[in-house]
Amino acid sequence: MYVAVRRYAGVTDTVEAGRLVKEGFVPLMRQIPGFVAYYWVDAGDGVMVSTSVFEDRAGAEASVARATDFVREQLASLLPNPPEVMAGEVVASA
C-alpha cells in the first residue's frame, strides 16, 4: 500500500473547506484505481491534513495530481498556501 499526506496551513474557513472536499473531492478520489481510503482532518489552528491510501504507487501519485487540480480550481481562496506533501510505501500497519 501507498499513502499520500498533504498538510495545508493557513486555511481560512475549515468548515467550508471540509464541505467542498466531502462533496467534490471525495468522489474524485473514489474513481482512482486502487483506492483504499481517504481522510480529511481538521488539525486545528487553520491546519487541515489529507491522507490518501492506495493499493499502489500509481494511485497515490494520481491522488496528489488530482488534489493539486482540485485545490487550484475549487479551494484556492480557502487554502491560500501550498501544501506540504509527503508520500511513500506503507512499511507497517495495524
N, C-alpha and C. Protein backbone atom coordinates (compact mmCIF):
# COMPACT_ATOMS: atom_id res chain seq x y z
N MET A 1 0.83 -1.18 0.00
CA MET A 1 0.00 0.00 0.00
C MET A 1 0.88 1.24 0.00
N TYR A 2 0.31 2.30 -0.55
CA TYR A 2 0.99 3.60 -0.60
C TYR A 2 0.07 4.67 -0.01
N VAL A 3 0.69 5.66 0.60
CA VAL A 3 -0.06 6.74 1.24
C VAL A 3 0.50 8.08 0.76
N ALA A 4 -0.42 9.02 0.54
CA ALA A 4 -0.04 10.40 0.25
C ALA A 4 -0.66 11.27 1.34
N VAL A 5 0.15 12.11 1.96
CA VAL A 5 -0.31 13.01 3.02
C VAL A 5 -0.04 14.44 2.57
N ARG A 6 -1.06 15.27 2.70
CA ARG A 6 -0.92 16.68 2.35
C ARG A 6 -1.34 17.52 3.54
N ARG A 7 -0.46 18.44 3.95
CA ARG A 7 -0.74 19.31 5.09
C ARG A 7 -0.92 20.74 4.59
N TYR A 8 -2.09 21.30 4.88
CA TYR A 8 -2.44 22.66 4.45
C TYR A 8 -2.48 23.56 5.67
N ALA A 9 -1.68 24.62 5.67
CA ALA A 9 -1.68 25.60 6.76
C ALA A 9 -2.32 26.89 6.25
N GLY A 10 -2.87 27.68 7.17
CA GLY A 10 -3.47 28.95 6.80
C GLY A 10 -4.85 28.83 6.18
N VAL A 11 -5.56 27.74 6.46
CA VAL A 11 -6.90 27.54 5.91
C VAL A 11 -7.82 28.62 6.46
N THR A 12 -8.52 29.32 5.58
CA THR A 12 -9.32 30.47 6.01
C THR A 12 -10.70 30.10 6.52
N ASP A 13 -11.25 28.96 6.09
CA ASP A 13 -12.57 28.51 6.54
C ASP A 13 -12.58 26.98 6.51
N THR A 14 -12.30 26.37 7.66
CA THR A 14 -12.17 24.91 7.71
C THR A 14 -13.50 24.21 7.47
N VAL A 15 -14.61 24.81 7.90
CA VAL A 15 -15.92 24.19 7.70
C VAL A 15 -16.26 24.14 6.22
N GLU A 16 -16.08 25.25 5.52
CA GLU A 16 -16.38 25.28 4.09
C GLU A 16 -15.41 24.39 3.32
N ALA A 17 -14.15 24.40 3.68
CA ALA A 17 -13.19 23.51 3.02
C ALA A 17 -13.61 22.06 3.19
N GLY A 18 -14.02 21.69 4.38
CA GLY A 18 -14.48 20.33 4.63
C GLY A 18 -15.69 19.96 3.79
N ARG A 19 -16.62 20.89 3.67
CA ARG A 19 -17.83 20.63 2.86
C ARG A 19 -17.45 20.42 1.40
N LEU A 20 -16.60 21.29 0.88
CA LEU A 20 -16.22 21.18 -0.53
C LEU A 20 -15.43 19.90 -0.80
N VAL A 21 -14.56 19.53 0.12
CA VAL A 21 -13.81 18.29 -0.04
C VAL A 21 -14.75 17.09 -0.01
N LYS A 22 -15.67 17.08 0.94
CA LYS A 22 -16.60 15.95 1.07
C LYS A 22 -17.48 15.81 -0.17
N GLU A 23 -18.00 16.94 -0.65
CA GLU A 23 -18.93 16.89 -1.77
C GLU A 23 -18.25 16.77 -3.14
N GLY A 24 -17.07 17.37 -3.28
CA GLY A 24 -16.44 17.41 -4.59
C GLY A 24 -15.21 16.57 -4.77
N PHE A 25 -14.36 16.51 -3.74
CA PHE A 25 -13.09 15.81 -3.92
C PHE A 25 -13.18 14.32 -3.60
N VAL A 26 -13.91 13.96 -2.56
CA VAL A 26 -14.01 12.55 -2.17
C VAL A 26 -14.51 11.69 -3.34
N PRO A 27 -15.55 12.13 -4.06
CA PRO A 27 -15.97 11.32 -5.22
C PRO A 27 -14.87 11.14 -6.27
N LEU A 28 -14.03 12.16 -6.46
CA LEU A 28 -12.92 12.03 -7.40
C LEU A 28 -11.92 11.00 -6.93
N MET A 29 -11.65 10.98 -5.64
CA MET A 29 -10.69 10.03 -5.09
C MET A 29 -11.16 8.59 -5.28
N ARG A 30 -12.45 8.38 -5.09
CA ARG A 30 -13.00 7.03 -5.21
C ARG A 30 -12.87 6.48 -6.63
N GLN A 31 -12.71 7.36 -7.61
CA GLN A 31 -12.59 6.93 -9.01
C GLN A 31 -11.18 6.46 -9.36
N ILE A 32 -10.21 6.78 -8.55
CA ILE A 32 -8.82 6.42 -8.86
C ILE A 32 -8.62 4.93 -8.62
N PRO A 33 -8.09 4.20 -9.59
CA PRO A 33 -7.84 2.76 -9.41
C PRO A 33 -6.94 2.50 -8.20
N GLY A 34 -7.29 1.49 -7.43
CA GLY A 34 -6.51 1.12 -6.26
C GLY A 34 -6.87 1.88 -5.00
N PHE A 35 -7.94 2.70 -5.06
CA PHE A 35 -8.37 3.47 -3.90
C PHE A 35 -8.68 2.55 -2.72
N VAL A 36 -8.18 2.91 -1.53
CA VAL A 36 -8.48 2.18 -0.30
C VAL A 36 -9.23 3.07 0.67
N ALA A 37 -8.71 4.27 0.95
CA ALA A 37 -9.34 5.16 1.93
C ALA A 37 -8.87 6.59 1.73
N TYR A 38 -9.67 7.53 2.23
CA TYR A 38 -9.32 8.95 2.20
C TYR A 38 -9.81 9.59 3.49
N TYR A 39 -8.99 10.47 4.07
CA TYR A 39 -9.36 11.19 5.29
C TYR A 39 -9.00 12.66 5.14
N TRP A 40 -9.90 13.53 5.57
CA TRP A 40 -9.66 14.98 5.60
C TRP A 40 -9.82 15.39 7.05
N VAL A 41 -8.76 15.90 7.65
CA VAL A 41 -8.71 16.12 9.10
C VAL A 41 -8.53 17.60 9.42
N ASP A 42 -9.35 18.11 10.34
CA ASP A 42 -9.16 19.45 10.87
C ASP A 42 -8.22 19.32 12.06
N ALA A 43 -6.97 19.75 11.88
CA ALA A 43 -5.96 19.62 12.92
C ALA A 43 -5.94 20.83 13.86
N GLY A 44 -6.82 21.79 13.63
CA GLY A 44 -6.89 22.98 14.48
C GLY A 44 -5.95 24.08 14.02
N ASP A 45 -6.22 25.28 14.48
CA ASP A 45 -5.38 26.46 14.18
C ASP A 45 -5.18 26.68 12.69
N GLY A 46 -6.22 26.44 11.89
CA GLY A 46 -6.13 26.68 10.45
C GLY A 46 -5.31 25.67 9.68
N VAL A 47 -5.11 24.51 10.28
CA VAL A 47 -4.34 23.44 9.61
C VAL A 47 -5.30 22.29 9.29
N MET A 48 -5.24 21.82 8.05
CA MET A 48 -6.00 20.63 7.65
C MET A 48 -5.05 19.66 6.97
N VAL A 49 -5.31 18.38 7.17
CA VAL A 49 -4.43 17.33 6.66
C VAL A 49 -5.27 16.31 5.91
N SER A 50 -4.82 15.95 4.73
CA SER A 50 -5.49 14.88 3.99
C SER A 50 -4.57 13.68 3.92
N THR A 51 -5.18 12.51 4.02
CA THR A 51 -4.44 11.25 3.91
C THR A 51 -5.16 10.38 2.90
N SER A 52 -4.45 9.97 1.87
CA SER A 52 -5.00 9.12 0.82
C SER A 52 -4.26 7.79 0.85
N VAL A 53 -5.01 6.70 0.83
CA VAL A 53 -4.41 5.37 0.88
C VAL A 53 -4.80 4.61 -0.39
N PHE A 54 -3.78 4.05 -1.05
CA PHE A 54 -3.99 3.32 -2.29
C PHE A 54 -3.23 2.00 -2.27
N GLU A 55 -3.66 1.09 -3.12
CA GLU A 55 -3.00 -0.21 -3.22
C GLU A 55 -1.62 -0.10 -3.86
N ASP A 56 -1.39 0.94 -4.67
CA ASP A 56 -0.11 1.04 -5.36
C ASP A 56 0.35 2.49 -5.48
N ARG A 57 1.59 2.64 -5.90
CA ARG A 57 2.20 3.97 -6.04
C ARG A 57 1.46 4.82 -7.07
N ALA A 58 1.02 4.21 -8.17
CA ALA A 58 0.33 4.97 -9.21
C ALA A 58 -0.91 5.67 -8.67
N GLY A 59 -1.67 4.98 -7.83
CA GLY A 59 -2.86 5.59 -7.24
C GLY A 59 -2.52 6.76 -6.34
N ALA A 60 -1.49 6.59 -5.51
CA ALA A 60 -1.07 7.67 -4.61
C ALA A 60 -0.60 8.88 -5.40
N GLU A 61 0.15 8.63 -6.47
CA GLU A 61 0.62 9.74 -7.30
C GLU A 61 -0.54 10.43 -8.01
N ALA A 62 -1.52 9.65 -8.46
CA ALA A 62 -2.70 10.24 -9.10
C ALA A 62 -3.48 11.10 -8.11
N SER A 63 -3.53 10.67 -6.85
CA SER A 63 -4.26 11.45 -5.85
C SER A 63 -3.60 12.81 -5.62
N VAL A 64 -2.28 12.86 -5.65
CA VAL A 64 -1.57 14.13 -5.48
C VAL A 64 -1.88 15.06 -6.65
N ALA A 65 -1.88 14.52 -7.86
CA ALA A 65 -2.19 15.33 -9.04
C ALA A 65 -3.62 15.84 -9.00
N ARG A 66 -4.56 14.98 -8.63
CA ARG A 66 -5.96 15.42 -8.57
C ARG A 66 -6.16 16.45 -7.46
N ALA A 67 -5.48 16.28 -6.34
CA ALA A 67 -5.59 17.25 -5.25
C ALA A 67 -5.07 18.61 -5.70
N THR A 68 -3.97 18.62 -6.40
CA THR A 68 -3.41 19.88 -6.90
C THR A 68 -4.43 20.60 -7.79
N ASP A 69 -5.03 19.88 -8.70
CA ASP A 69 -6.02 20.47 -9.61
C ASP A 69 -7.25 20.94 -8.84
N PHE A 70 -7.75 20.11 -7.93
CA PHE A 70 -8.97 20.46 -7.18
C PHE A 70 -8.75 21.70 -6.32
N VAL A 71 -7.62 21.76 -5.65
CA VAL A 71 -7.34 22.94 -4.82
C VAL A 71 -7.27 24.18 -5.70
N ARG A 72 -6.58 24.10 -6.80
CA ARG A 72 -6.45 25.26 -7.70
C ARG A 72 -7.81 25.70 -8.22
N GLU A 73 -8.67 24.75 -8.59
CA GLU A 73 -9.95 25.07 -9.21
C GLU A 73 -11.08 25.37 -8.22
N GLN A 74 -11.05 24.76 -7.04
CA GLN A 74 -12.19 24.86 -6.12
C GLN A 74 -11.87 25.46 -4.75
N LEU A 75 -10.63 25.38 -4.30
CA LEU A 75 -10.32 25.75 -2.92
C LEU A 75 -9.27 26.84 -2.77
N ALA A 76 -8.86 27.45 -3.86
CA ALA A 76 -7.74 28.40 -3.80
C ALA A 76 -7.96 29.50 -2.77
N SER A 77 -9.17 30.01 -2.65
CA SER A 77 -9.41 31.09 -1.69
C SER A 77 -9.41 30.60 -0.24
N LEU A 78 -9.66 29.33 -0.04
CA LEU A 78 -9.71 28.76 1.32
C LEU A 78 -8.37 28.19 1.76
N LEU A 79 -7.58 27.74 0.80
CA LEU A 79 -6.27 27.14 1.07
C LEU A 79 -5.21 27.97 0.35
N PRO A 80 -4.88 29.14 0.90
CA PRO A 80 -4.01 30.08 0.17
C PRO A 80 -2.54 29.68 0.08
N ASN A 81 -2.11 28.76 0.92
CA ASN A 81 -0.70 28.36 0.94
C ASN A 81 -0.51 26.99 0.29
N PRO A 82 0.61 26.79 -0.39
CA PRO A 82 0.85 25.46 -0.97
C PRO A 82 1.01 24.42 0.14
N PRO A 83 0.55 23.21 -0.12
CA PRO A 83 0.65 22.18 0.92
C PRO A 83 2.04 21.59 1.05
N GLU A 84 2.28 21.02 2.19
CA GLU A 84 3.45 20.16 2.38
C GLU A 84 2.98 18.77 1.99
N VAL A 85 3.64 18.14 1.02
CA VAL A 85 3.21 16.85 0.50
C VAL A 85 4.25 15.79 0.82
N MET A 86 3.78 14.69 1.36
CA MET A 86 4.62 13.53 1.64
C MET A 86 3.93 12.30 1.10
N ALA A 87 4.67 11.38 0.54
CA ALA A 87 4.09 10.15 0.01
C ALA A 87 5.10 9.03 0.12
N GLY A 88 4.59 7.82 0.28
CA GLY A 88 5.50 6.69 0.34
C GLY A 88 4.78 5.38 0.57
N GLU A 89 5.58 4.33 0.56
CA GLU A 89 5.07 2.98 0.76
C GLU A 89 4.82 2.73 2.24
N VAL A 90 3.71 2.07 2.55
CA VAL A 90 3.41 1.67 3.92
C VAL A 90 4.33 0.52 4.28
N VAL A 91 5.09 0.67 5.37
CA VAL A 91 6.01 -0.38 5.78
C VAL A 91 5.56 -1.09 7.06
N ALA A 92 4.53 -0.53 7.72
CA ALA A 92 3.94 -1.19 8.88
C ALA A 92 2.52 -0.65 9.04
N SER A 93 1.62 -1.50 9.48
CA SER A 93 0.24 -1.06 9.70
C SER A 93 -0.41 -1.96 10.74
N ALA A 94 -1.57 -1.51 11.22
CA ALA A 94 -2.32 -2.31 12.20
C ALA A 94 -3.77 -2.29 11.84
